Amino acid sequence: MNDEQLKDLAMAVGERLQHEGAQLALAESCTGGWIAKACTDVAGSAAWFAGGWVSYSNDAKQAMLGVDPLTLRENGAVSEPVVREMARGAQRLAGVAYACAVSGIAGPTGGTDDKPVGLVWVAWAHGDVLVAERFQFGGAREQVRRRTVAAALEGLARV
């Protein structure tokens, strides 16, 4: 998926949020702010995009988003429980209806047998609803990150 297609996805998300009068916050790890970039590539996105956090380290996840250190210790940063806490933290801190969080192993290093390169968890929060999904993307680092951005935006369009 190219940058223009990502922008189109973000535009569709924005149109839906504007129609609802809702805003979005993001908590990004492996994408390093790329989802926020796609959102802010859309002119007028300030009407529906509140902001976000790039919490790359475990310390940042704890300090910025309130992720429980025990959750990180027991599950690791790339896990369903952590992205769920990241999404809820972003939603709560920004005071918004919608939030999305991502954490993954983009590579080329850092993978293990249990958590290989390309493993990504994404969580979407809307009101009291919170869903998470596991993805296993192939390809090089940029491809994993780009696919994560697309998956996050596509999920927001569905939530």
C-alpha atoms as a PDB file:
ATOM      1  CA  MET A   1       0.000   0.000   0.000  1.00  0.00           C
ATOM      2  CA  ASN A   2       1.480   3.350  -1.016  1.00  0.00           C
ATOM      3  CA  ASP A   3       1.311   6.698   0.790  1.00  0.00           C
ATOM      4  CA  GLU A   4      -1.639   7.912  -1.277  1.00  0.00           C
ATOM      5  CA  GLN A   5      -3.635   4.789  -0.424  1.00  0.00           C
ATOM      6  CA  LEU A   6      -2.822   5.250   3.279  1.00  0.00           C
ATOM      7  CA  LYS A   7      -3.981   8.851   3.029  1.00  0.00           C
ATOM      8  CA  ASP A   8      -7.215   7.668   1.387  1.00  0.00           C
ATOM      9  CA  LEU A   9      -7.788   5.221   4.256  1.00  0.00           C
ATOM     10  CA  ALA A  10      -7.161   7.987   6.780  1.00  0.00           C
ATOM     11  CA  MET A  11      -9.556  10.260   4.881  1.00  0.00           C
ATOM     12  CA  ALA A  12     -12.287   7.607   5.069  1.00  0.00           C
ATOM     13  CA  VAL A  13     -11.698   7.227   8.810  1.00  0.00           C
ATOM     14  CA  GLY A  14     -11.812  11.002   9.200  1.00  0.00           C
ATOM     15  CA  GLU A  15     -15.062  11.335   7.297  1.00  0.00           C
ATOM     16  CA  ARG A  16     -16.677   8.736   9.532  1.00  0.00           C
ATOM     17  CA  LEU A  17     -15.392  10.381  12.710  1.00  0.00           C
ATOM     18  CA  GLN A  18     -16.512  13.831  11.561  1.00  0.00           C
ATOM     19  CA  HIS A  19     -19.944  12.457  10.735  1.00  0.00           C
ATOM     20  CA  GLU A  20     -20.137  11.109  14.305  1.00  0.00           C
ATOM     21  CA  GLY A  21     -18.641  14.250  15.813  1.00  0.00           C
ATOM     22  CA  ALA A  22     -15.931  12.058  17.350  1.00  0.00           C
ATOM     23  CA  GLN A  23     -12.160  12.284  17.689  1.00  0.00           C
ATOM     24  CA  LEU A  24      -9.299   9.795  17.519  1.00  0.00           C
ATOM     25  CA  ALA A  25      -6.135   9.367  19.575  1.00  0.00           C
ATOM     26  CA  LEU A  26      -3.238   7.042  18.776  1.00  0.00           C
ATOM     27  CA  ALA A  27      -0.657   5.110  20.767  1.00  0.00           C
ATOM     28  CA  GLU A  28       2.084   3.935  18.431  1.00  0.00           C
ATOM     29  CA  SER A  29       5.150   1.834  19.005  1.00  0.00           C
ATOM     30  CA  CYS A  30       6.528   0.021  15.946  1.00  0.00           C
ATOM     31  CA  THR A  31       5.067   2.572  13.508  1.00  0.00           C
ATOM     32  CA  GLY A  32       6.835   5.491  15.181  1.00  0.00           C
ATOM     33  CA  GLY A  33       4.072   7.996  14.429  1.00  0.00           C
ATOM     34  CA  TRP A  34       3.329   6.852  10.895  1.00  0.00           C
ATOM     35  CA  ILE A  35      -0.395   6.409  11.574  1.00  0.00           C
ATOM     36  CA  ALA A  36      -0.509   9.981  12.892  1.00  0.00           C
ATOM     37  CA  LYS A  37       1.341  11.118   9.759  1.00  0.00           C
ATOM     38  CA  ALA A  38      -1.262   9.435   7.552  1.00  0.00           C
ATOM     39  CA  CYS A  39      -4.029  11.127   9.533  1.00  0.00           C
ATOM     40  CA  THR A  40      -2.432  14.561   9.422  1.00  0.00           C
ATOM     41  CA  ASP A  41      -1.761  14.227   5.690  1.00  0.00           C
ATOM     42  CA  VAL A  42      -5.522  14.787   5.383  1.00  0.00           C
ATOM     43  CA  ALA A  43      -6.364  18.489   5.218  1.00  0.00           C
ATOM     44  CA  GLY A  44      -8.726  19.437   8.020  1.00  0.00           C
ATOM     45  CA  SER A  45      -7.825  16.430  10.163  1.00  0.00           C
ATOM     46  CA  ALA A  46      -7.710  18.632  13.269  1.00  0.00           C
ATOM     47  CA  ALA A  47     -11.497  18.282  13.297  1.00  0.00           C
ATOM     48  CA  TRP A  48     -11.236  14.558  14.084  1.00  0.00           C
ATOM     49  CA  PHE A  49      -7.638  13.743  15.039  1.00  0.00           C
ATOM     50  CA  ALA A  50      -6.806  14.736  18.621  1.00  0.00           C
ATOM     51  CA  GLY A  51      -3.194  13.525  18.702  1.00  0.00           C
ATOM     52  CA  GLY A  52      -1.092  10.646  19.820  1.00  0.00           C
ATOM     53  CA  TRP A  53       1.868   9.173  21.615  1.00  0.00           C
ATOM     54  CA  VAL A  54       4.910   7.408  20.220  1.00  0.00           C
ATOM     55  CA  SER A  55       5.803   5.081  23.068  1.00  0.00           C
ATOM     56  CA  TYR A  56       8.632   3.030  21.653  1.00  0.00           C
ATOM     57  CA  SER A  57      10.236   1.867  24.896  1.00  0.00           C
ATOM     58  CA  ASN A  58       8.609  -0.011  27.761  1.00  0.00           C
ATOM     59  CA  ASP A  59       9.401   2.917  30.057  1.00  0.00           C
ATOM     60  CA  ALA A  60       7.555   5.263  27.685  1.00  0.00           C
ATOM     61  CA  LYS A  61       4.551   2.933  27.532  1.00  0.00           C
ATOM     62  CA  GLN A  62       4.366   3.060  31.318  1.00  0.00           C
ATOM     63  CA  ALA A  63       5.089   6.773  31.803  1.00  0.00           C
ATOM     64  CA  MET A  64       3.083   8.179  28.899  1.00  0.00           C
ATOM     65  CA  LEU A  65       0.147   5.775  28.636  1.00  0.00           C
ATOM     66  CA  GLY A  66      -0.104   4.155  32.041  1.00  0.00           C
ATOM     67  CA  VAL A  67       0.684   0.614  30.913  1.00  0.00           C
ATOM     68  CA  ASP A  68       1.107  -1.534  34.010  1.00  0.00           C
ATOM     69  CA  PRO A  69       4.735  -2.689  34.501  1.00  0.00           C
ATOM     70  CA  LEU A  70       3.412  -6.120  35.493  1.00  0.00           C
ATOM     71  CA  THR A  71       1.549  -6.409  32.184  1.00  0.00           C
ATOM     72  CA  LEU A  72       4.769  -5.651  30.324  1.00  0.00           C
ATOM     73  CA  ARG A  73       6.822  -8.041  32.444  1.00  0.00           C
ATOM     74  CA  GLU A  74       4.365 -10.928  32.101  1.00  0.00           C
ATOM     75  CA  ASN A  75       3.461 -10.494  28.422  1.00  0.00           C
ATOM     76  CA  GLY A  76       6.142  -8.405  26.723  1.00  0.00           C
ATOM     77  CA  ALA A  77       5.579  -5.197  24.791  1.00  0.00           C
ATOM     78  CA  VAL A  78       4.291  -7.007  21.713  1.00  0.00           C
ATOM     79  CA  SER A  79       1.177  -8.577  23.164  1.00  0.00           C
ATOM     80  CA  GLU A  80      -2.580  -8.243  23.290  1.00  0.00           C
ATOM     81  CA  PRO A  81      -2.723  -7.083  26.931  1.00  0.00           C
ATOM     82  CA  VAL A  82      -0.197  -4.309  26.294  1.00  0.00           C
ATOM     83  CA  VAL A  83      -1.896  -2.880  23.196  1.00  0.00           C
ATOM     84  CA  ARG A  84      -5.208  -2.990  25.023  1.00  0.00           C
ATOM     85  CA  GLU A  85      -3.736  -0.931  27.869  1.00  0.00           C
ATOM     86  CA  MET A  86      -2.073   1.420  25.379  1.00  0.00           C
ATOM     87  CA  ALA A  87      -5.387   2.028  23.583  1.00  0.00           C
ATOM     88  CA  ARG A  88      -7.273   2.637  26.821  1.00  0.00           C
ATOM     89  CA  GLY A  89      -4.515   4.961  28.022  1.00  0.00           C
ATOM     90  CA  ALA A  90      -4.645   7.028  24.830  1.00  0.00           C
ATOM     91  CA  GLN A  91      -8.436   7.138  24.913  1.00  0.00           C
ATOM     92  CA  ARG A  92      -8.495   8.231  28.556  1.00  0.00           C
ATOM     93  CA  LEU A  93      -5.677  10.786  28.346  1.00  0.00           C
ATOM     94  CA  ALA A  94      -7.013  12.436  25.186  1.00  0.00           C
ATOM     95  CA  GLY A  95     -10.630  12.263  26.323  1.00  0.00           C
ATOM     96  CA  VAL A  96     -11.775  10.888  22.975  1.00  0.00           C
ATOM     97  CA  ALA A  97     -14.291   8.321  21.777  1.00  0.00           C
ATOM     98  CA  TYR A  98     -11.841   6.402  19.556  1.00  0.00           C
ATOM     99  CA  ALA A  99      -8.280   5.205  20.090  1.00  0.00           C
ATOM    100  CA  CYS A 100      -5.944   2.842  18.310  1.00  0.00           C
ATOM    101  CA  ALA A 101      -2.710   1.298  19.580  1.00  0.00           C
ATOM    102  CA  VAL A 102      -0.007  -0.721  17.828  1.00  0.00           C
ATOM    103  CA  SER A 103       3.019  -2.669  19.013  1.00  0.00           C
ATOM    104  CA  GLY A 104       5.104  -5.018  16.933  1.00  0.00           C
ATOM    105  CA  ILE A 105       8.447  -6.343  15.813  1.00  0.00           C
ATOM    106  CA  ALA A 106       9.283  -4.629  12.531  1.00  0.00           C
ATOM    107  CA  GLY A 107      12.737  -6.208  12.206  1.00  0.00           C
ATOM    108  CA  PRO A 108      15.086  -7.053  10.812  1.00  0.00           C
ATOM    109  CA  THR A 109      16.184  -8.058  14.326  1.00  0.00           C
ATOM    110  CA  GLY A 110      14.354  -8.544  17.598  1.00  0.00           C
ATOM    111  CA  GLY A 111      12.273 -11.570  16.709  1.00  0.00           C
ATOM    112  CA  THR A 112      12.152 -14.827  18.657  1.00  0.00           C
ATOM    113  CA  ASP A 113      10.553 -18.217  18.055  1.00  0.00           C
ATOM    114  CA  ASP A 114       7.515 -17.115  20.072  1.00  0.00           C
ATOM    115  CA  LYS A 115       7.426 -13.605  18.648  1.00  0.00           C
ATOM    116  CA  PRO A 116       8.891 -13.552  15.147  1.00  0.00           C
ATOM    117  CA  VAL A 117       9.734 -10.497  13.081  1.00  0.00           C
ATOM    118  CA  GLY A 118       6.536  -9.197  11.524  1.00  0.00           C
ATOM    119  CA  LEU A 119       4.352  -9.943  14.566  1.00  0.00           C
ATOM    120  CA  VAL A 120       2.100  -6.974  15.305  1.00  0.00           C
ATOM    121  CA  TRP A 121      -0.757  -6.441  17.753  1.00  0.00           C
ATOM    122  CA  VAL A 122      -3.329  -3.725  17.074  1.00  0.00           C
ATOM    123  CA  ALA A 123      -6.084  -2.611  19.452  1.00  0.00           C
ATOM    124  CA  TRP A 124      -9.048  -0.380  18.700  1.00  0.00           C
ATOM    125  CA  ALA A 125     -11.160   1.285  21.372  1.00  0.00           C
ATOM    126  CA  HIS A 126     -14.531   2.928  20.877  1.00  0.00           C
ATOM    127  CA  GLY A 127     -16.404   3.879  24.003  1.00  0.00           C
ATOM    128  CA  ASP A 128     -16.543   0.745  26.149  1.00  0.00           C
ATOM    129  CA  VAL A 129     -15.707  -1.551  23.233  1.00  0.00           C
ATOM    130  CA  LEU A 130     -12.100  -2.713  22.973  1.00  0.00           C
ATOM    131  CA  VAL A 131     -10.929  -5.229  20.385  1.00  0.00           C
ATOM    132  CA  ALA A 132      -7.460  -6.413  19.491  1.00  0.00           C
ATOM    133  CA  GLU A 133      -6.087  -8.412  16.609  1.00  0.00           C
ATOM    134  CA  ARG A 134      -2.829 -10.231  15.960  1.00  0.00           C
ATOM    135  CA  PHE A 135      -1.123  -9.881  12.590  1.00  0.00           C
ATOM    136  CA  GLN A 136       1.886 -11.642  11.104  1.00  0.00           C
ATOM    137  CA  PHE A 137       3.270  -9.533   8.274  1.00  0.00           C
ATOM    138  CA  GLY A 138       6.009 -10.607   5.895  1.00  0.00           C
ATOM    139  CA  GLY A 139       8.581  -8.432   4.243  1.00  0.00           C
ATOM    140  CA  ALA A 140      11.267  -5.986   5.255  1.00  0.00           C
ATOM    141  CA  ARG A 141      11.005  -3.447   8.073  1.00  0.00           C
ATOM    142  CA  GLU A 142       9.291  -0.736   6.010  1.00  0.00           C
ATOM    143  CA  GLN A 143       6.774  -3.223   4.621  1.00  0.00           C
ATOM    144  CA  VAL A 144       5.871  -4.456   8.107  1.00  0.00           C
ATOM    145  CA  ARG A 145       5.436  -0.889   9.325  1.00  0.00           C
ATOM    146  CA  ARG A 146       3.410   0.183   6.279  1.00  0.00           C
ATOM    147  CA  ARG A 147       1.149  -2.867   6.587  1.00  0.00           C
ATOM    148  CA  THR A 148       0.653  -2.065  10.260  1.00  0.00           C
ATOM    149  CA  VAL A 149      -0.462   1.476   9.406  1.00  0.00           C
ATOM    150  CA  ALA A 150      -2.913   0.083   6.844  1.00  0.00           C
ATOM    151  CA  ALA A 151      -4.266  -2.538   9.271  1.00  0.00           C
ATOM    152  CA  ALA A 152      -4.750   0.085  11.986  1.00  0.00           C
ATOM    153  CA  LEU A 153      -6.653   2.421   9.662  1.00  0.00           C
ATOM    154  CA  GLU A 154      -8.716  -0.378   8.135  1.00  0.00           C
ATOM    155  CA  GLY A 155      -9.666  -1.508  11.640  1.00  0.00           C
ATOM    156  CA  LEU A 156     -10.713   2.003  12.575  1.00  0.00           C
ATOM    157  CA  ALA A 157     -13.019   2.026   9.572  1.00  0.00           C
ATOM    158  CA  ARG A 158     -14.653  -1.174  10.916  1.00  0.00           C
ATOM    159  CA  VAL A 159     -14.834  -0.415  14.665  1.00  0.00           C
END
